[in-house]
Every structure is written in C-alpha cells, then in structure tokens.
Amino acid sequence: MSLYRIQVKGHLDERWSDWFDGLEITNLENGEAMLSGEIVDQAALHGVLIKVRDLGLPLLAVSRVEAVQGTPGGGDDNARGSRSSRVDTRKQSTASYHAQEEGGYP
C-alpha cells in the first residue's frame, strides 16, 4: 500500500471523501484540491483517477510517497525519509509523454 497525493483544479466538499475511497480532501487557497491517503494498488489508483475524470475535474498532478528504509514499514533502521514519485500533468505535453513511452527521449 502506498500513500498518494492527487491534485485537481477546483474545490471539493468533504462529503466527496467517501466516494473517493476515504481519501482526505484538502482545498487549497489557489483554487485547487488535494486528495491524499493510502491506495492499495494500481487498480485502485486507476479507479480514483476514473472518478476524477467522471466528475470533469482537471487532473493537475499525481504523486506517490513511499516509505524508505528506516521508516515505519521500511527496513534498515539507519536510513530515514520518504521518496516521492510525481507526475505533473501541467508540464508534460502529450507528445513528450508518448515519446517517453516509446523509448524516446527521457
């Protein structure tokens, strides 16, 4: 299970939390909302993203934050911190996305 943060344009009422599988909703001052919480696997993540799409909310970013060794659920007690993997949909064009998928430029 991994912790995810999903950023969308627009605000959401807290009532949507249950519909988004219990993710915490934080409305930001810039008119965006952050959905955050644990998502069990990739299938569940895709389910949440489909719900974002179905509501017509522009998807801005998806970030996965995972435990690193030395943190609860990690391993080695000598290392600390977290690692984040982020996809920012605001900065990546469709053309560059497909080029990366096909082994083009990094």
Protein backbone atom coordinates (compact mmCIF):
# COMPACT_ATOMS: atom_id res chain seq x y z
CA MET A 1 0.00 0.00 0.00
CA SER A 2 1.32 3.45 -0.92
CA LEU A 3 0.45 6.99 0.04
CA TYR A 4 -0.76 9.09 -2.90
CA ARG A 5 -1.49 12.78 -3.42
CA ILE A 6 -3.74 13.70 -6.32
CA GLN A 7 -4.10 17.38 -7.20
CA VAL A 8 -7.12 18.63 -9.18
CA LYS A 9 -8.39 22.01 -10.28
CA GLY A 10 -11.43 23.13 -8.30
CA HIS A 11 -12.62 22.65 -4.76
CA LEU A 12 -14.46 19.62 -3.40
CA ASP A 13 -16.76 19.38 -0.41
CA GLU A 14 -15.61 16.97 2.30
CA ARG A 15 -18.68 14.83 1.51
CA TRP A 16 -16.82 13.50 -1.55
CA SER A 17 -14.24 11.77 0.67
CA ASP A 18 -16.26 8.55 0.93
CA TRP A 19 -16.82 8.48 -2.82
CA PHE A 20 -13.05 8.83 -3.31
CA ASP A 21 -12.45 5.70 -1.22
CA GLY A 22 -11.83 7.61 2.01
CA LEU A 23 -9.09 9.89 0.67
CA GLU A 24 -8.64 13.10 2.64
CA ILE A 25 -9.71 16.23 0.74
CA THR A 26 -7.82 19.48 1.30
CA ASN A 27 -8.97 22.57 -0.58
CA LEU A 28 -6.04 24.86 -1.34
CA GLU A 29 -6.12 28.65 -1.48
CA ASN A 30 -5.21 28.67 -5.18
CA GLY A 31 -8.50 27.04 -6.18
CA GLU A 32 -7.13 23.52 -6.32
CA ALA A 33 -7.91 20.46 -4.20
CA MET A 34 -5.56 17.78 -2.91
CA LEU A 35 -6.81 14.22 -2.43
CA SER A 36 -4.43 12.25 -0.24
CA GLY A 37 -4.27 8.91 1.50
CA GLU A 38 -3.36 5.28 1.14
CA ILE A 39 -4.31 3.46 -2.04
CA VAL A 40 -3.89 -0.31 -2.04
CA ASP A 41 -2.67 -0.90 -5.60
CA GLN A 42 -2.54 0.39 -9.17
CA ALA A 43 -6.07 -0.83 -9.93
CA ALA A 44 -7.45 1.21 -7.01
CA LEU A 45 -5.42 4.25 -8.16
CA HIS A 46 -6.91 3.97 -11.63
CA GLY A 47 -10.36 3.72 -10.05
CA VAL A 48 -9.81 7.02 -8.23
CA LEU A 49 -8.49 8.66 -11.41
CA ILE A 50 -11.58 7.48 -13.31
CA LYS A 51 -13.74 9.16 -10.66
CA VAL A 52 -11.76 12.39 -11.12
CA ARG A 53 -12.39 12.14 -14.85
CA ASP A 54 -16.08 11.33 -14.39
CA LEU A 55 -16.53 14.49 -12.31
CA GLY A 56 -14.89 16.53 -15.05
CA LEU A 57 -12.14 17.75 -12.70
CA PRO A 58 -8.94 18.75 -14.50
CA LEU A 59 -6.16 16.50 -13.18
CA LEU A 60 -3.09 18.55 -12.28
CA ALA A 61 -0.70 16.11 -10.60
CA VAL A 62 -0.35 12.64 -9.12
CA SER A 63 2.36 11.95 -6.53
CA ARG A 64 3.25 8.70 -4.80
CA VAL A 65 5.05 8.94 -1.48
CA GLU A 66 6.50 5.68 -0.28
CA ALA A 67 8.26 4.72 2.93
CA VAL A 68 12.03 4.41 2.66
CA GLN A 69 14.09 2.02 4.74
CA GLY A 70 14.27 3.15 8.34
CA THR A 71 10.72 4.48 8.45
CA PRO A 72 7.68 2.53 9.63
CA GLY A 73 7.17 -0.22 7.08
CA GLY A 74 10.66 0.41 5.68
CA GLY A 75 13.55 -1.81 6.62
CA ASP A 76 17.03 -0.57 7.50
CA ASP A 77 16.98 1.49 10.71
CA ASN A 78 19.88 3.66 9.52
CA ALA A 79 18.09 5.43 6.66
CA ARG A 80 15.28 7.96 7.10
CA GLY A 81 12.85 9.92 4.98
CA SER A 82 10.49 9.34 2.12
CA ARG A 83 10.77 9.12 -1.60
CA SER A 84 8.29 10.81 -3.90
CA SER A 85 7.43 9.99 -7.48
CA ARG A 86 5.38 12.73 -9.12
CA VAL A 87 3.66 13.12 -12.43
CA ASP A 88 2.74 16.74 -13.07
CA THR A 89 0.20 16.82 -15.87
CA ARG A 90 0.51 20.60 -16.20
CA LYS A 91 4.06 20.45 -17.58
CA GLN A 92 4.14 17.34 -19.76
CA SER A 93 2.68 17.52 -23.24
CA THR A 94 1.02 14.56 -24.91
CA ALA A 95 3.80 14.37 -27.48
CA SER A 96 6.54 14.12 -24.86
CA TYR A 97 4.52 11.55 -22.91
CA HIS A 98 4.21 9.26 -25.96
CA ALA A 99 7.87 9.72 -26.86
CA GLN A 100 8.85 8.59 -23.35
CA GLU A 101 6.57 5.54 -23.57
CA GLU A 102 8.13 4.50 -26.88
CA GLY A 103 11.67 4.73 -25.54
CA GLY A 104 12.32 8.19 -27.00
CA TYR A 105 13.93 10.96 -25.03
CA PRO A 106 13.87 10.86 -21.20
